[in-house]
Amino acid sequence: MSKQIISTSDAPAAIGTYSQATRVGNTIWVSGQIPLDPATKELVKGDMEAQVRRVFENLKAIVLASGAGLDDVVKVSIFLVDLAHFALVNKVMAEYFREPYPARAAIGVASLPRGAQVEAECIIAL
């Protein structure tokens, strides 16, 4: 099977040696997204909710650019510098995904790129 790279200007360009998403067959892997504004390439201003919301907006933009929808997401991995924000992530994620929800992992980490407090990646099955 061939590998197809997915890219959109509606999400931040990669800040390292990776693609926004890669498709092989009917599976798409979306790279981790931090709360970067796609226009300014800077972390969003505001509280933690603004950061979480920007992360999900970035994921959504890449999912849509792949030709899929959020209902096609089968796994989400979330990385948090402070797990005290777990409930907030649940609240915001429920605005983007509906039941049956995708599988998910929430992982506490020491730090994230550019000082972000949250990052998320996902897997899509078509």
C-alpha atoms as a PDB file:
ATOM      1  CA  MET A   1       0.000   0.000   0.000  1.00  0.00           C
ATOM      2  CA  SER A   2       1.150   3.508  -0.692  1.00  0.00           C
ATOM      3  CA  LYS A   3       1.509   6.233   1.904  1.00  0.00           C
ATOM      4  CA  GLN A   4      -0.410   9.497   1.389  1.00  0.00           C
ATOM      5  CA  ILE A   5       0.539  12.655   3.272  1.00  0.00           C
ATOM      6  CA  ILE A   6      -2.322  14.891   4.397  1.00  0.00           C
ATOM      7  CA  SER A   7      -1.786  18.605   4.896  1.00  0.00           C
ATOM      8  CA  THR A   8      -3.979  21.648   5.389  1.00  0.00           C
ATOM      9  CA  SER A   9      -3.362  25.335   6.008  1.00  0.00           C
ATOM     10  CA  ASP A  10      -6.345  25.254   8.402  1.00  0.00           C
ATOM     11  CA  ALA A  11      -4.058  23.672  11.023  1.00  0.00           C
ATOM     12  CA  PRO A  12      -0.540  24.670  12.036  1.00  0.00           C
ATOM     13  CA  ALA A  13       2.266  23.531   9.769  1.00  0.00           C
ATOM     14  CA  ALA A  14       4.559  20.931  11.286  1.00  0.00           C
ATOM     15  CA  ILE A  15       7.203  22.405  13.613  1.00  0.00           C
ATOM     16  CA  GLY A  16       9.464  19.388  13.221  1.00  0.00           C
ATOM     17  CA  THR A  17      10.239  16.421  11.018  1.00  0.00           C
ATOM     18  CA  TYR A  18       6.699  15.073  10.685  1.00  0.00           C
ATOM     19  CA  SER A  19       3.551  15.410   8.577  1.00  0.00           C
ATOM     20  CA  GLN A  20       0.205  16.656   9.862  1.00  0.00           C
ATOM     21  CA  ALA A  21      -1.242  13.239   8.998  1.00  0.00           C
ATOM     22  CA  THR A  22      -0.395  10.098   7.080  1.00  0.00           C
ATOM     23  CA  ARG A  23      -2.825   7.711   5.406  1.00  0.00           C
ATOM     24  CA  VAL A  24      -2.098   4.106   4.538  1.00  0.00           C
ATOM     25  CA  GLY A  25      -5.064   2.139   3.247  1.00  0.00           C
ATOM     26  CA  ASN A  26      -8.124   2.964   5.321  1.00  0.00           C
ATOM     27  CA  THR A  27      -6.213   4.189   8.377  1.00  0.00           C
ATOM     28  CA  ILE A  28      -5.081   7.754   9.027  1.00  0.00           C
ATOM     29  CA  TRP A  29      -2.697   8.778  11.802  1.00  0.00           C
ATOM     30  CA  VAL A  30      -2.973  12.434  12.813  1.00  0.00           C
ATOM     31  CA  SER A  31       0.131  13.885  14.455  1.00  0.00           C
ATOM     32  CA  GLY A  32      -0.012  15.513  17.856  1.00  0.00           C
ATOM     33  CA  GLN A  33      -1.450  19.004  17.846  1.00  0.00           C
ATOM     34  CA  ILE A  34      -0.588  21.663  20.373  1.00  0.00           C
ATOM     35  CA  PRO A  35      -2.619  24.874  20.713  1.00  0.00           C
ATOM     36  CA  LEU A  36      -0.903  26.782  17.926  1.00  0.00           C
ATOM     37  CA  ASP A  37      -2.933  29.279  15.951  1.00  0.00           C
ATOM     38  CA  PRO A  38      -2.554  28.255  12.285  1.00  0.00           C
ATOM     39  CA  ALA A  39      -2.370  31.889  11.152  1.00  0.00           C
ATOM     40  CA  THR A  40       0.194  33.216  13.637  1.00  0.00           C
ATOM     41  CA  LYS A  41       2.055  29.954  14.450  1.00  0.00           C
ATOM     42  CA  GLU A  42       1.977  31.092  18.110  1.00  0.00           C
ATOM     43  CA  LEU A  43       0.344  29.497  21.148  1.00  0.00           C
ATOM     44  CA  VAL A  44      -3.188  30.792  21.588  1.00  0.00           C
ATOM     45  CA  LYS A  45      -3.720  33.445  24.203  1.00  0.00           C
ATOM     46  CA  GLY A  46      -6.147  32.859  27.030  1.00  0.00           C
ATOM     47  CA  ASP A  47      -6.959  30.271  29.622  1.00  0.00           C
ATOM     48  CA  MET A  48      -6.608  26.502  29.542  1.00  0.00           C
ATOM     49  CA  GLU A  49     -10.006  26.089  27.896  1.00  0.00           C
ATOM     50  CA  ALA A  50      -8.824  28.219  24.962  1.00  0.00           C
ATOM     51  CA  GLN A  51      -5.778  25.950  24.617  1.00  0.00           C
ATOM     52  CA  VAL A  52      -7.837  22.745  24.720  1.00  0.00           C
ATOM     53  CA  ARG A  53     -10.353  24.132  22.242  1.00  0.00           C
ATOM     54  CA  ARG A  54      -7.548  25.160  19.813  1.00  0.00           C
ATOM     55  CA  VAL A  55      -6.060  21.657  20.001  1.00  0.00           C
ATOM     56  CA  PHE A  56      -9.400  20.104  19.028  1.00  0.00           C
ATOM     57  CA  GLU A  57      -9.921  22.694  16.280  1.00  0.00           C
ATOM     58  CA  ASN A  58      -6.507  21.787  14.851  1.00  0.00           C
ATOM     59  CA  LEU A  59      -7.306  18.065  14.993  1.00  0.00           C
ATOM     60  CA  LYS A  60     -10.700  18.662  13.384  1.00  0.00           C
ATOM     61  CA  ALA A  61      -9.142  20.644  10.521  1.00  0.00           C
ATOM     62  CA  ILE A  62      -6.742  17.812   9.718  1.00  0.00           C
ATOM     63  CA  VAL A  63      -9.438  15.149  10.036  1.00  0.00           C
ATOM     64  CA  LEU A  64     -11.637  17.069   7.598  1.00  0.00           C
ATOM     65  CA  ALA A  65      -8.718  17.626   5.211  1.00  0.00           C
ATOM     66  CA  SER A  66      -8.241  13.859   5.134  1.00  0.00           C
ATOM     67  CA  GLY A  67     -11.775  13.423   3.811  1.00  0.00           C
ATOM     68  CA  ALA A  68     -12.972  11.918   7.085  1.00  0.00           C
ATOM     69  CA  GLY A  69     -15.163  13.255   9.871  1.00  0.00           C
ATOM     70  CA  LEU A  70     -14.845  13.252  13.633  1.00  0.00           C
ATOM     71  CA  ASP A  71     -17.197  10.243  13.746  1.00  0.00           C
ATOM     72  CA  ASP A  72     -14.449   8.275  11.947  1.00  0.00           C
ATOM     73  CA  VAL A  73     -11.935   8.863  14.756  1.00  0.00           C
ATOM     74  CA  VAL A  74     -11.349   5.609  16.641  1.00  0.00           C
ATOM     75  CA  LYS A  75      -8.624   6.662  19.108  1.00  0.00           C
ATOM     76  CA  VAL A  76      -7.552   9.922  20.724  1.00  0.00           C
ATOM     77  CA  SER A  77      -4.436  10.336  22.849  1.00  0.00           C
ATOM     78  CA  ILE A  78      -4.209  13.427  25.040  1.00  0.00           C
ATOM     79  CA  PHE A  79      -1.073  14.629  26.781  1.00  0.00           C
ATOM     80  CA  LEU A  80      -1.426  17.024  29.721  1.00  0.00           C
ATOM     81  CA  VAL A  81       1.253  18.798  31.714  1.00  0.00           C
ATOM     82  CA  ASP A  82      -1.250  19.027  34.603  1.00  0.00           C
ATOM     83  CA  LEU A  83      -3.787  16.220  34.970  1.00  0.00           C
ATOM     84  CA  ALA A  84      -5.957  18.594  37.014  1.00  0.00           C
ATOM     85  CA  HIS A  85      -7.253  19.721  33.587  1.00  0.00           C
ATOM     86  CA  PHE A  86      -8.656  16.251  32.844  1.00  0.00           C
ATOM     87  CA  ALA A  87     -12.285  17.296  33.547  1.00  0.00           C
ATOM     88  CA  LEU A  88     -11.919  20.351  31.292  1.00  0.00           C
ATOM     89  CA  VAL A  89     -10.612  18.158  28.462  1.00  0.00           C
ATOM     90  CA  ASN A  90     -13.645  15.877  28.905  1.00  0.00           C
ATOM     91  CA  LYS A  91     -16.001  18.876  28.742  1.00  0.00           C
ATOM     92  CA  VAL A  92     -14.468  20.310  25.566  1.00  0.00           C
ATOM     93  CA  MET A  93     -13.997  16.924  23.891  1.00  0.00           C
ATOM     94  CA  ALA A  94     -17.721  16.206  24.368  1.00  0.00           C
ATOM     95  CA  GLU A  95     -18.431  19.248  22.172  1.00  0.00           C
ATOM     96  CA  TYR A  96     -16.438  17.736  19.300  1.00  0.00           C
ATOM     97  CA  PHE A  97     -17.248  14.029  19.589  1.00  0.00           C
ATOM     98  CA  ARG A  98     -20.533  12.248  20.163  1.00  0.00           C
ATOM     99  CA  GLU A  99     -21.358   8.803  21.448  1.00  0.00           C
ATOM    100  CA  PRO A 100     -20.114   6.258  20.857  1.00  0.00           C
ATOM    101  CA  TYR A 101     -16.897   8.076  21.754  1.00  0.00           C
ATOM    102  CA  PRO A 102     -13.539   6.998  20.374  1.00  0.00           C
ATOM    103  CA  ALA A 103     -11.123   5.079  22.583  1.00  0.00           C
ATOM    104  CA  ARG A 104      -8.858   7.450  24.472  1.00  0.00           C
ATOM    105  CA  ALA A 105      -5.768   7.738  26.603  1.00  0.00           C
ATOM    106  CA  ALA A 106      -4.919  10.716  28.812  1.00  0.00           C
ATOM    107  CA  ILE A 107      -1.280  10.870  29.797  1.00  0.00           C
ATOM    108  CA  GLY A 108       0.455  13.190  32.221  1.00  0.00           C
ATOM    109  CA  VAL A 109       3.757  14.523  30.887  1.00  0.00           C
ATOM    110  CA  ALA A 110       6.535  16.744  32.251  1.00  0.00           C
ATOM    111  CA  SER A 111       6.497  19.192  29.335  1.00  0.00           C
ATOM    112  CA  LEU A 112       5.334  19.738  25.761  1.00  0.00           C
ATOM    113  CA  PRO A 113       6.757  21.663  22.778  1.00  0.00           C
ATOM    114  CA  ARG A 114       6.753  25.462  22.979  1.00  0.00           C
ATOM    115  CA  GLY A 115       5.497  25.394  26.558  1.00  0.00           C
ATOM    116  CA  ALA A 116       2.055  24.077  25.587  1.00  0.00           C
ATOM    117  CA  GLN A 117      -0.039  22.592  28.382  1.00  0.00           C
ATOM    118  CA  VAL A 118      -1.966  20.123  26.185  1.00  0.00           C
ATOM    119  CA  GLU A 119      -1.422  18.074  23.039  1.00  0.00           C
ATOM    120  CA  ALA A 120      -3.654  15.551  21.283  1.00  0.00           C
ATOM    121  CA  GLU A 121      -3.323  13.090  18.424  1.00  0.00           C
ATOM    122  CA  CYS A 122      -5.796  10.697  16.858  1.00  0.00           C
ATOM    123  CA  ILE A 123      -6.269   7.678  14.643  1.00  0.00           C
ATOM    124  CA  ILE A 124      -8.997   7.486  11.997  1.00  0.00           C
ATOM    125  CA  ALA A 125     -10.441   4.319  10.476  1.00  0.00           C
ATOM    126  CA  LEU A 126     -12.411   4.620   7.251  1.00  0.00           C
END
